[in-house]
Amino acid sequence: MGVLIGDPALAKPVNWACGTVYVTVNDPQFKQIAAEKLQQQADTSKEISYPFRPQEKRPNALIALIFAVLTALPFVGFLQFVSVLACLQRLVSCQHSEVDW
């Protein structure tokens, strides 16, 4: 048994093997019925076709990257602002400690 995880955007899906399942049947009547059904299925040469849903449309990778950068830009600016404030606070506290001497 295994788990297969994939997406149309992934080139190679992730296939994770979970374990092995062994099935044994000792009933001769069941074996005969199963063999007959298997033979009937093997005799059919009809082609099987499945309707798949169309692949979902995705934006161009460059446009997605630009959007991600523009979305993250305010957060990066906020982090820069907080780091400048921390430096200014250390500078002010150092000047106050020198004056007290």
C-alpha atoms as a PDB file:
ATOM      1  CA  MET A   1       0.000   0.000   0.000  1.00  0.00           C
ATOM      2  CA  GLY A   2       1.157   3.493  -0.648  1.00  0.00           C
ATOM      3  CA  VAL A   3       0.210   7.131  -0.641  1.00  0.00           C
ATOM      4  CA  LEU A   4       0.590   9.130  -3.842  1.00  0.00           C
ATOM      5  CA  ILE A   5       0.566  12.936  -3.526  1.00  0.00           C
ATOM      6  CA  GLY A   6       0.678  15.016  -6.671  1.00  0.00           C
ATOM      7  CA  ASP A   7      -0.322  18.279  -8.265  1.00  0.00           C
ATOM      8  CA  PRO A   8      -0.404  19.447 -11.875  1.00  0.00           C
ATOM      9  CA  ALA A   9       2.377  21.928 -11.007  1.00  0.00           C
ATOM     10  CA  LEU A  10       4.707  19.205  -9.694  1.00  0.00           C
ATOM     11  CA  ALA A  11       6.932  17.491 -12.211  1.00  0.00           C
ATOM     12  CA  LYS A  12       7.219  14.340 -10.102  1.00  0.00           C
ATOM     13  CA  PRO A  13       4.594  13.303  -7.525  1.00  0.00           C
ATOM     14  CA  VAL A  14       5.548  12.054  -4.066  1.00  0.00           C
ATOM     15  CA  ASN A  15       5.054   8.293  -3.712  1.00  0.00           C
ATOM     16  CA  TRP A  16       5.257   7.094  -0.117  1.00  0.00           C
ATOM     17  CA  ALA A  17       5.211   3.324   0.491  1.00  0.00           C
ATOM     18  CA  CYS A  18       3.265   2.592   3.692  1.00  0.00           C
ATOM     19  CA  GLY A  19       3.410  -1.172   3.782  1.00  0.00           C
ATOM     20  CA  THR A  20       2.479  -4.448   2.119  1.00  0.00           C
ATOM     21  CA  VAL A  21      -0.826  -6.292   2.267  1.00  0.00           C
ATOM     22  CA  TYR A  22      -0.973 -10.046   1.710  1.00  0.00           C
ATOM     23  CA  VAL A  23      -4.343 -11.716   1.103  1.00  0.00           C
ATOM     24  CA  THR A  24      -4.686 -15.472   1.120  1.00  0.00           C
ATOM     25  CA  VAL A  25      -7.873 -17.434   0.472  1.00  0.00           C
ATOM     26  CA  ASN A  26      -8.024 -21.149   1.162  1.00  0.00           C
ATOM     27  CA  ASP A  27     -11.576 -21.769  -0.086  1.00  0.00           C
ATOM     28  CA  PRO A  28     -11.369 -23.709  -3.423  1.00  0.00           C
ATOM     29  CA  GLN A  29     -14.856 -22.610  -4.510  1.00  0.00           C
ATOM     30  CA  PHE A  30     -13.898 -18.945  -4.051  1.00  0.00           C
ATOM     31  CA  LYS A  31     -10.699 -19.486  -6.042  1.00  0.00           C
ATOM     32  CA  GLN A  32     -12.676 -21.045  -8.906  1.00  0.00           C
ATOM     33  CA  ILE A  33     -15.228 -18.194  -8.981  1.00  0.00           C
ATOM     34  CA  ALA A  34     -12.455 -15.596  -8.835  1.00  0.00           C
ATOM     35  CA  ALA A  35     -10.584 -17.291 -11.683  1.00  0.00           C
ATOM     36  CA  GLU A  36     -13.740 -17.357 -13.838  1.00  0.00           C
ATOM     37  CA  LYS A  37     -14.465 -13.669 -13.189  1.00  0.00           C
ATOM     38  CA  LEU A  38     -10.850 -12.778 -13.952  1.00  0.00           C
ATOM     39  CA  GLN A  39     -11.056 -14.723 -17.228  1.00  0.00           C
ATOM     40  CA  GLN A  40     -14.283 -12.894 -18.173  1.00  0.00           C
ATOM     41  CA  GLN A  41     -12.666  -9.530 -17.493  1.00  0.00           C
ATOM     42  CA  ALA A  42      -9.565 -10.477 -19.468  1.00  0.00           C
ATOM     43  CA  ASP A  43     -11.672 -11.497 -22.483  1.00  0.00           C
ATOM     44  CA  THR A  44     -13.182  -8.051 -22.881  1.00  0.00           C
ATOM     45  CA  SER A  45     -11.080  -6.020 -25.264  1.00  0.00           C
ATOM     46  CA  LYS A  46     -13.177  -2.886 -24.960  1.00  0.00           C
ATOM     47  CA  GLU A  47     -11.134   0.270 -24.510  1.00  0.00           C
ATOM     48  CA  ILE A  48     -11.822   2.130 -21.283  1.00  0.00           C
ATOM     49  CA  SER A  49     -11.752   5.912 -21.353  1.00  0.00           C
ATOM     50  CA  TYR A  50     -12.236   8.216 -18.406  1.00  0.00           C
ATOM     51  CA  PRO A  51     -13.253  11.864 -18.614  1.00  0.00           C
ATOM     52  CA  PHE A  52     -10.731  13.967 -16.730  1.00  0.00           C
ATOM     53  CA  ARG A  53     -11.445  17.496 -15.634  1.00  0.00           C
ATOM     54  CA  PRO A  54      -9.477  20.170 -17.457  1.00  0.00           C
ATOM     55  CA  GLN A  55      -6.254  21.325 -15.886  1.00  0.00           C
ATOM     56  CA  GLU A  56      -6.759  24.395 -13.727  1.00  0.00           C
ATOM     57  CA  LYS A  57      -5.427  27.643 -15.096  1.00  0.00           C
ATOM     58  CA  ARG A  58      -2.546  29.193 -13.199  1.00  0.00           C
ATOM     59  CA  PRO A  59      -0.946  32.582 -13.632  1.00  0.00           C
ATOM     60  CA  ASN A  60       2.479  32.972 -15.151  1.00  0.00           C
ATOM     61  CA  ALA A  61       5.253  32.160 -12.649  1.00  0.00           C
ATOM     62  CA  LEU A  62       6.793  35.624 -13.057  1.00  0.00           C
ATOM     63  CA  ILE A  63       3.500  37.333 -12.244  1.00  0.00           C
ATOM     64  CA  ALA A  64       3.030  35.095  -9.201  1.00  0.00           C
ATOM     65  CA  LEU A  65       6.557  35.950  -7.998  1.00  0.00           C
ATOM     66  CA  ILE A  66       5.979  39.686  -8.451  1.00  0.00           C
ATOM     67  CA  PHE A  67       2.712  39.426  -6.511  1.00  0.00           C
ATOM     68  CA  ALA A  68       4.427  37.519  -3.688  1.00  0.00           C
ATOM     69  CA  VAL A  69       7.206  40.111  -3.442  1.00  0.00           C
ATOM     70  CA  LEU A  70       4.755  43.022  -3.441  1.00  0.00           C
ATOM     71  CA  THR A  71       2.683  41.297  -0.773  1.00  0.00           C
ATOM     72  CA  ALA A  72       5.702  40.665   1.464  1.00  0.00           C
ATOM     73  CA  LEU A  73       7.207  44.147   0.987  1.00  0.00           C
ATOM     74  CA  PRO A  74       5.181  45.916   3.735  1.00  0.00           C
ATOM     75  CA  PHE A  75       6.124  43.226   6.257  1.00  0.00           C
ATOM     76  CA  VAL A  76       9.815  43.536   5.370  1.00  0.00           C
ATOM     77  CA  GLY A  77       9.533  47.322   5.729  1.00  0.00           C
ATOM     78  CA  PHE A  78       7.939  46.896   9.139  1.00  0.00           C
ATOM     79  CA  LEU A  79      10.778  44.614  10.269  1.00  0.00           C
ATOM     80  CA  GLN A  80      13.315  47.176   9.043  1.00  0.00           C
ATOM     81  CA  PHE A  81      11.483  49.934  10.949  1.00  0.00           C
ATOM     82  CA  VAL A  82      11.465  47.884  14.162  1.00  0.00           C
ATOM     83  CA  SER A  83      15.195  47.131  13.863  1.00  0.00           C
ATOM     84  CA  VAL A  84      15.984  50.845  13.370  1.00  0.00           C
ATOM     85  CA  LEU A  85      13.911  51.701  16.441  1.00  0.00           C
ATOM     86  CA  ALA A  86      15.791  49.074  18.480  1.00  0.00           C
ATOM     87  CA  CYS A  87      19.136  50.556  17.385  1.00  0.00           C
ATOM     88  CA  LEU A  88      17.996  54.062  18.263  1.00  0.00           C
ATOM     89  CA  GLN A  89      16.805  52.882  21.675  1.00  0.00           C
ATOM     90  CA  ARG A  90      20.204  51.265  22.377  1.00  0.00           C
ATOM     91  CA  LEU A  91      21.978  54.436  21.247  1.00  0.00           C
ATOM     92  CA  VAL A  92      19.856  56.627  23.503  1.00  0.00           C
ATOM     93  CA  SER A  93      20.277  54.288  26.470  1.00  0.00           C
ATOM     94  CA  CYS A  94      24.082  54.278  25.978  1.00  0.00           C
ATOM     95  CA  GLN A  95      24.176  58.094  25.959  1.00  0.00           C
ATOM     96  CA  HIS A  96      22.111  58.266  29.158  1.00  0.00           C
ATOM     97  CA  SER A  97      24.379  55.809  30.944  1.00  0.00           C
ATOM     98  CA  GLU A  98      27.478  57.894  30.034  1.00  0.00           C
ATOM     99  CA  VAL A  99      25.858  61.074  31.373  1.00  0.00           C
ATOM    100  CA  ASP A 100      25.131  59.453  34.759  1.00  0.00           C
ATOM    101  CA  TRP A 101      28.808  58.834  35.443  1.00  0.00           C
END
